[in-house]
């Protein structure tokens, strides 16, 4: 029974802690470099929730997140034959032909 309470308590504490961090960062950074006003604790919690709604609840390592895609590609590459690997490399080269390798900008 106590593990269940802890299971539900950790996300709640995390949300309140992250809201406090968002408030501190906003009030100490954003107000100095822009003309935005300081935010209250509850406004910071609202900003955190708004960002999660707009940008999603998935993090790295989960399906659709950043690090998982790299791992999946690596696993797929290891299972490819040499011919398939060369096809993929040539496709990537054709796809990126218009980009300058040094600056990453379009020619």
N, C-alpha and C. Protein backbone atom coordinates (compact mmCIF):
# COMPACT_ATOMS: atom_id res chain seq x y z
N UNK A 1 0.82 -1.20 0.00
CA UNK A 1 0.00 0.00 0.00
C UNK A 1 0.86 1.26 0.00
N UNK A 2 1.98 1.21 0.70
CA UNK A 2 2.83 2.39 0.79
C UNK A 2 3.52 2.66 -0.55
N UNK A 3 3.81 1.62 -1.33
CA UNK A 3 4.43 1.82 -2.64
C UNK A 3 3.48 2.54 -3.58
N UNK A 4 2.19 2.27 -3.48
CA UNK A 4 1.21 2.96 -4.31
C UNK A 4 1.18 4.44 -4.00
N UNK A 5 1.22 4.77 -2.73
CA UNK A 5 1.22 6.19 -2.35
C UNK A 5 2.45 6.89 -2.91
N UNK A 6 3.58 6.22 -2.80
CA UNK A 6 4.81 6.79 -3.32
C UNK A 6 4.75 6.93 -4.83
N UNK A 7 4.13 5.94 -5.49
CA UNK A 7 3.98 5.97 -6.94
C UNK A 7 3.19 7.20 -7.40
N UNK A 8 2.16 7.58 -6.64
CA UNK A 8 1.35 8.75 -6.99
C UNK A 8 1.94 10.04 -6.45
N UNK A 9 2.72 9.95 -5.41
CA UNK A 9 3.28 11.15 -4.79
C UNK A 9 4.46 11.71 -5.60
N UNK A 10 5.28 10.85 -6.19
CA UNK A 10 6.46 11.31 -6.93
C UNK A 10 6.09 12.22 -8.10
N UNK A 11 5.13 11.86 -8.97
CA UNK A 11 4.78 12.79 -10.06
C UNK A 11 4.22 14.12 -9.57
N UNK A 12 3.46 14.09 -8.49
CA UNK A 12 2.88 15.33 -7.95
C UNK A 12 4.00 16.24 -7.45
N UNK A 13 4.93 15.67 -6.70
CA UNK A 13 6.07 16.46 -6.20
C UNK A 13 6.91 16.97 -7.37
N UNK A 14 7.08 16.14 -8.40
CA UNK A 14 7.85 16.55 -9.57
C UNK A 14 7.21 17.74 -10.27
N UNK A 15 5.89 17.73 -10.43
CA UNK A 15 5.20 18.85 -11.09
C UNK A 15 5.36 20.13 -10.28
N UNK A 16 5.19 20.04 -8.97
CA UNK A 16 5.34 21.23 -8.13
C UNK A 16 6.78 21.73 -8.14
N UNK A 17 7.74 20.80 -8.12
CA UNK A 17 9.15 21.20 -8.17
C UNK A 17 9.52 21.82 -9.51
N UNK A 18 9.07 21.22 -10.60
CA UNK A 18 9.35 21.77 -11.92
C UNK A 18 8.70 23.14 -12.11
N UNK A 19 7.51 23.31 -11.55
CA UNK A 19 6.85 24.62 -11.63
C UNK A 19 7.67 25.69 -10.92
N UNK A 20 8.23 25.32 -9.78
CA UNK A 20 9.07 26.26 -9.05
C UNK A 20 10.33 26.61 -9.86
N UNK A 21 10.93 25.61 -10.50
CA UNK A 21 12.11 25.84 -11.33
C UNK A 21 11.77 26.72 -12.52
N UNK A 22 10.62 26.47 -13.16
CA UNK A 22 10.19 27.31 -14.29
C UNK A 22 10.01 28.75 -13.84
N UNK A 23 9.40 28.94 -12.67
CA UNK A 23 9.18 30.29 -12.15
C UNK A 23 10.52 30.99 -11.92
N UNK A 24 11.47 30.29 -11.29
CA UNK A 24 12.77 30.90 -11.02
C UNK A 24 13.50 31.25 -12.32
N UNK A 25 13.52 30.32 -13.26
CA UNK A 25 14.20 30.58 -14.53
C UNK A 25 13.55 31.72 -15.29
N UNK A 26 12.22 31.72 -15.35
CA UNK A 26 11.52 32.78 -16.06
C UNK A 26 11.83 34.14 -15.43
N UNK A 27 11.68 34.22 -14.11
CA UNK A 27 11.84 35.50 -13.44
C UNK A 27 13.28 36.01 -13.45
N UNK A 28 14.25 35.09 -13.52
CA UNK A 28 15.65 35.52 -13.48
C UNK A 28 16.29 35.64 -14.85
N UNK A 29 15.71 35.02 -15.86
CA UNK A 29 16.32 35.08 -17.19
C UNK A 29 15.46 35.86 -18.17
N UNK A 30 14.22 35.43 -18.34
CA UNK A 30 13.35 36.02 -19.37
C UNK A 30 13.08 37.49 -19.10
N UNK A 31 12.85 37.85 -17.84
CA UNK A 31 12.55 39.26 -17.55
C UNK A 31 13.76 40.16 -17.76
N UNK A 32 14.96 39.60 -17.68
CA UNK A 32 16.18 40.40 -17.90
C UNK A 32 16.45 40.65 -19.38
N UNK A 33 16.08 39.69 -20.24
CA UNK A 33 16.42 39.85 -21.65
C UNK A 33 15.24 40.30 -22.51
N UNK A 34 14.04 40.34 -21.95
CA UNK A 34 12.86 40.80 -22.69
C UNK A 34 12.10 41.80 -21.83
N UNK A 35 10.97 42.21 -22.35
CA UNK A 35 10.11 43.13 -21.59
C UNK A 35 8.97 42.40 -20.90
N UNK A 36 9.03 41.06 -20.86
CA UNK A 36 7.98 40.30 -20.19
C UNK A 36 8.04 40.52 -18.69
N UNK A 37 6.89 40.41 -18.05
CA UNK A 37 6.79 40.59 -16.60
C UNK A 37 7.13 39.29 -15.88
N UNK A 38 7.36 39.40 -14.58
CA UNK A 38 7.58 38.21 -13.77
C UNK A 38 6.30 37.41 -13.66
N UNK A 39 6.44 36.10 -13.43
CA UNK A 39 5.27 35.24 -13.30
C UNK A 39 5.18 34.73 -11.87
N UNK A 40 3.95 34.41 -11.48
CA UNK A 40 3.73 33.81 -10.16
C UNK A 40 3.95 32.31 -10.26
N UNK A 41 3.91 31.66 -9.11
CA UNK A 41 4.09 30.21 -9.08
C UNK A 41 3.02 29.50 -9.90
N UNK A 42 1.78 29.92 -9.77
CA UNK A 42 0.68 29.25 -10.48
C UNK A 42 0.73 29.54 -11.98
N UNK A 43 1.20 30.73 -12.36
CA UNK A 43 1.38 31.01 -13.78
C UNK A 43 2.50 30.14 -14.36
N UNK A 44 3.55 29.91 -13.57
CA UNK A 44 4.63 29.04 -14.02
C UNK A 44 4.13 27.61 -14.20
N UNK A 45 3.26 27.16 -13.30
CA UNK A 45 2.68 25.83 -13.45
C UNK A 45 1.81 25.77 -14.71
N UNK A 46 1.09 26.83 -15.00
CA UNK A 46 0.30 26.90 -16.22
C UNK A 46 1.17 26.89 -17.46
N UNK A 47 2.31 27.61 -17.43
CA UNK A 47 3.25 27.59 -18.55
C UNK A 47 3.81 26.19 -18.77
N UNK A 48 4.14 25.51 -17.70
CA UNK A 48 4.65 24.15 -17.80
C UNK A 48 3.62 23.23 -18.42
N UNK A 49 2.39 23.33 -17.98
CA UNK A 49 1.31 22.51 -18.54
C UNK A 49 1.07 22.86 -20.00
N UNK A 50 1.07 24.14 -20.34
CA UNK A 50 0.88 24.56 -21.73
C UNK A 50 1.98 24.00 -22.63
N UNK A 51 3.22 24.04 -22.18
CA UNK A 51 4.32 23.49 -22.98
C UNK A 51 4.16 22.00 -23.17
N UNK A 52 3.73 21.29 -22.14
CA UNK A 52 3.52 19.85 -22.27
C UNK A 52 2.39 19.55 -23.25
N UNK A 53 1.35 20.36 -23.25
CA UNK A 53 0.25 20.15 -24.19
C UNK A 53 0.71 20.44 -25.61
N UNK A 54 1.44 21.54 -25.80
CA UNK A 54 1.86 21.93 -27.14
C UNK A 54 2.94 21.03 -27.71
N UNK A 55 3.91 20.65 -26.89
CA UNK A 55 5.07 19.93 -27.38
C UNK A 55 5.05 18.44 -27.07
N UNK A 56 4.05 17.98 -26.37
CA UNK A 56 3.90 16.56 -26.13
C UNK A 56 4.43 16.11 -24.80
N UNK A 57 3.98 14.93 -24.40
CA UNK A 57 4.35 14.37 -23.11
C UNK A 57 5.44 13.32 -23.25
N UNK A 58 5.86 13.02 -24.47
CA UNK A 58 6.87 11.98 -24.67
C UNK A 58 8.26 12.58 -24.52
N UNK A 59 9.14 11.82 -23.90
CA UNK A 59 10.50 12.27 -23.72
C UNK A 59 11.47 11.43 -24.52
N UNK A 60 12.75 11.72 -24.40
CA UNK A 60 13.75 10.93 -25.12
C UNK A 60 13.71 9.48 -24.69
N UNK A 61 13.95 8.60 -25.63
CA UNK A 61 13.98 7.18 -25.32
C UNK A 61 12.64 6.50 -25.49
N UNK A 62 11.60 7.25 -25.59
CA UNK A 62 10.28 6.66 -25.82
C UNK A 62 9.98 6.70 -27.30
N UNK A 63 8.97 5.99 -27.69
CA UNK A 63 8.60 5.96 -29.10
C UNK A 63 8.27 7.38 -29.56
N UNK A 64 8.91 7.83 -30.59
CA UNK A 64 8.71 9.19 -31.10
C UNK A 64 9.67 10.18 -30.47
N UNK A 65 10.46 9.80 -29.47
CA UNK A 65 11.40 10.69 -28.83
C UNK A 65 12.76 10.64 -29.51
N UNK A 66 13.68 11.43 -29.04
CA UNK A 66 14.96 11.60 -29.69
C UNK A 66 15.89 10.41 -29.69
N UNK A 67 16.28 9.89 -28.53
CA UNK A 67 17.32 8.88 -28.47
C UNK A 67 16.85 7.53 -28.99
N UNK A 68 15.59 7.23 -28.86
CA UNK A 68 15.07 5.95 -29.34
C UNK A 68 15.20 5.79 -30.84
N UNK A 69 15.03 6.88 -31.57
CA UNK A 69 15.15 6.82 -33.03
C UNK A 69 16.57 6.45 -33.44
N UNK A 70 17.57 6.99 -32.77
CA UNK A 70 18.95 6.67 -33.09
C UNK A 70 19.24 5.20 -32.82
N UNK A 71 18.74 4.69 -31.70
CA UNK A 71 18.96 3.30 -31.36
C UNK A 71 18.28 2.38 -32.36
N UNK A 72 17.06 2.73 -32.77
CA UNK A 72 16.34 1.91 -33.74
C UNK A 72 17.05 1.90 -35.08
N UNK A 73 17.56 3.05 -35.51
CA UNK A 73 18.28 3.12 -36.78
C UNK A 73 19.54 2.27 -36.73
N UNK A 74 20.26 2.35 -35.62
CA UNK A 74 21.48 1.55 -35.46
C UNK A 74 21.15 0.06 -35.54
N UNK A 75 20.08 -0.36 -34.86
CA UNK A 75 19.70 -1.78 -34.90
C UNK A 75 19.30 -2.19 -36.31
N UNK A 76 18.57 -1.35 -37.01
CA UNK A 76 18.17 -1.67 -38.38
C UNK A 76 19.38 -1.74 -39.30
N UNK A 77 20.34 -0.83 -39.11
CA UNK A 77 21.54 -0.84 -39.94
C UNK A 77 22.36 -2.11 -39.72
N UNK A 78 22.40 -2.61 -38.49
CA UNK A 78 23.18 -3.81 -38.19
C UNK A 78 22.56 -5.04 -38.87
N UNK A 79 21.26 -5.02 -39.09
CA UNK A 79 20.58 -6.16 -39.69
C UNK A 79 20.49 -6.07 -41.22
N UNK A 80 21.02 -5.00 -41.80
CA UNK A 80 20.95 -4.84 -43.26
C UNK A 80 22.12 -5.54 -43.93
N UNK A 81 21.88 -5.95 -45.14
CA UNK A 81 22.97 -6.50 -45.95
C UNK A 81 23.80 -5.32 -46.48
N UNK A 82 24.98 -5.64 -47.01
CA UNK A 82 25.85 -4.59 -47.54
C UNK A 82 25.19 -3.83 -48.68
N UNK A 83 24.43 -4.53 -49.50
CA UNK A 83 23.72 -3.91 -50.62
C UNK A 83 22.65 -2.93 -50.11
N UNK A 84 21.93 -3.35 -49.08
CA UNK A 84 20.89 -2.47 -48.51
C UNK A 84 21.52 -1.24 -47.86
N UNK A 85 22.65 -1.42 -47.19
CA UNK A 85 23.35 -0.29 -46.57
C UNK A 85 23.80 0.72 -47.63
N UNK A 86 24.32 0.23 -48.73
CA UNK A 86 24.76 1.12 -49.80
C UNK A 86 23.59 1.86 -50.43
N UNK A 87 22.45 1.19 -50.59
CA UNK A 87 21.24 1.86 -51.10
C UNK A 87 20.82 2.99 -50.17
N UNK A 88 20.84 2.73 -48.87
CA UNK A 88 20.46 3.75 -47.90
C UNK A 88 21.43 4.93 -47.93
N UNK A 89 22.73 4.64 -48.01
CA UNK A 89 23.73 5.72 -48.07
C UNK A 89 23.55 6.58 -49.31
N UNK A 90 23.31 5.94 -50.45
CA UNK A 90 23.13 6.72 -51.68
C UNK A 90 21.84 7.54 -51.61
N UNK A 91 20.80 7.00 -51.01
CA UNK A 91 19.56 7.76 -50.84
C UNK A 91 19.80 8.99 -49.95
N UNK A 92 20.58 8.80 -48.87
CA UNK A 92 20.88 9.92 -47.97
C UNK A 92 21.71 10.98 -48.69
N UNK A 93 22.67 10.53 -49.50
CA UNK A 93 23.48 11.50 -50.26
C UNK A 93 22.62 12.31 -51.22
N UNK A 94 21.73 11.61 -51.96
CA UNK A 94 20.85 12.32 -52.92
C UNK A 94 19.94 13.29 -52.18
N UNK A 95 19.45 12.89 -51.05
CA UNK A 95 18.51 13.72 -50.28
C UNK A 95 19.19 14.99 -49.77
N UNK A 96 20.47 14.89 -49.45
CA UNK A 96 21.19 16.02 -48.85
C UNK A 96 22.10 16.74 -49.83
N UNK A 97 21.90 16.56 -51.13
CA UNK A 97 22.76 17.18 -52.14
C UNK A 97 22.81 18.69 -52.06
N UNK A 98 21.71 19.34 -51.74
CA UNK A 98 21.65 20.79 -51.78
C UNK A 98 22.25 21.48 -50.57
N UNK A 99 22.75 20.72 -49.60
CA UNK A 99 23.26 21.33 -48.38
C UNK A 99 24.77 21.41 -48.40
N UNK A 100 25.30 22.52 -47.89
CA UNK A 100 26.74 22.70 -47.77
C UNK A 100 27.22 21.90 -46.56
N UNK A 101 28.19 21.03 -46.74
CA UNK A 101 28.67 20.16 -45.66
C UNK A 101 29.32 20.93 -44.52
N UNK A 102 29.98 22.05 -44.82
CA UNK A 102 30.71 22.77 -43.79
C UNK A 102 29.79 23.60 -42.92
N UNK A 103 28.85 24.30 -43.49
CA UNK A 103 28.02 25.23 -42.73
C UNK A 103 26.64 24.69 -42.45
N UNK A 104 26.20 23.66 -43.16
CA UNK A 104 24.86 23.14 -42.95
C UNK A 104 23.78 24.02 -43.56
N UNK A 105 24.17 24.89 -44.47
CA UNK A 105 23.20 25.79 -45.09
C UNK A 105 22.97 25.39 -46.54
N UNK A 106 21.89 25.87 -47.10
CA UNK A 106 21.54 25.55 -48.49
C UNK A 106 22.45 26.35 -49.41
N UNK A 107 22.95 25.70 -50.47
CA UNK A 107 23.80 26.39 -51.46
C UNK A 107 23.01 27.34 -52.31
